[in-house]
Amino acid sequence: MANQAKAASFEENFKKLELLSQELQDNKITIDELVPRIKEAVAAIKICKGVLNDTEAKLIEINKEFEELEVELPSDE
């Protein structure tokens, strides 16, 4: 369940970043809103980066385990 929470957290925060990016491109953010919105973006980036780093570490570990198995495929001979 923790993985689902992290995935949801990643997805939610990534969507926040996409929305902010679009709002900035469309000039929908006033100067008064800019600093608080950028602070939100920094927090969202930290969460996303943490999830990505955790995922990368897990994938590296899984890859090592897979390599240790040294599975040999049957030849076509």
Foldseek 3Di string as FASTA:
>chain_A
DVVVVLVVLLVVLVVLLVVVVVCVVVVVADPVRPPVSVVSNVVSVVSNVVSVVVVVVVVVVVVVVVVVVPDDDDDPD
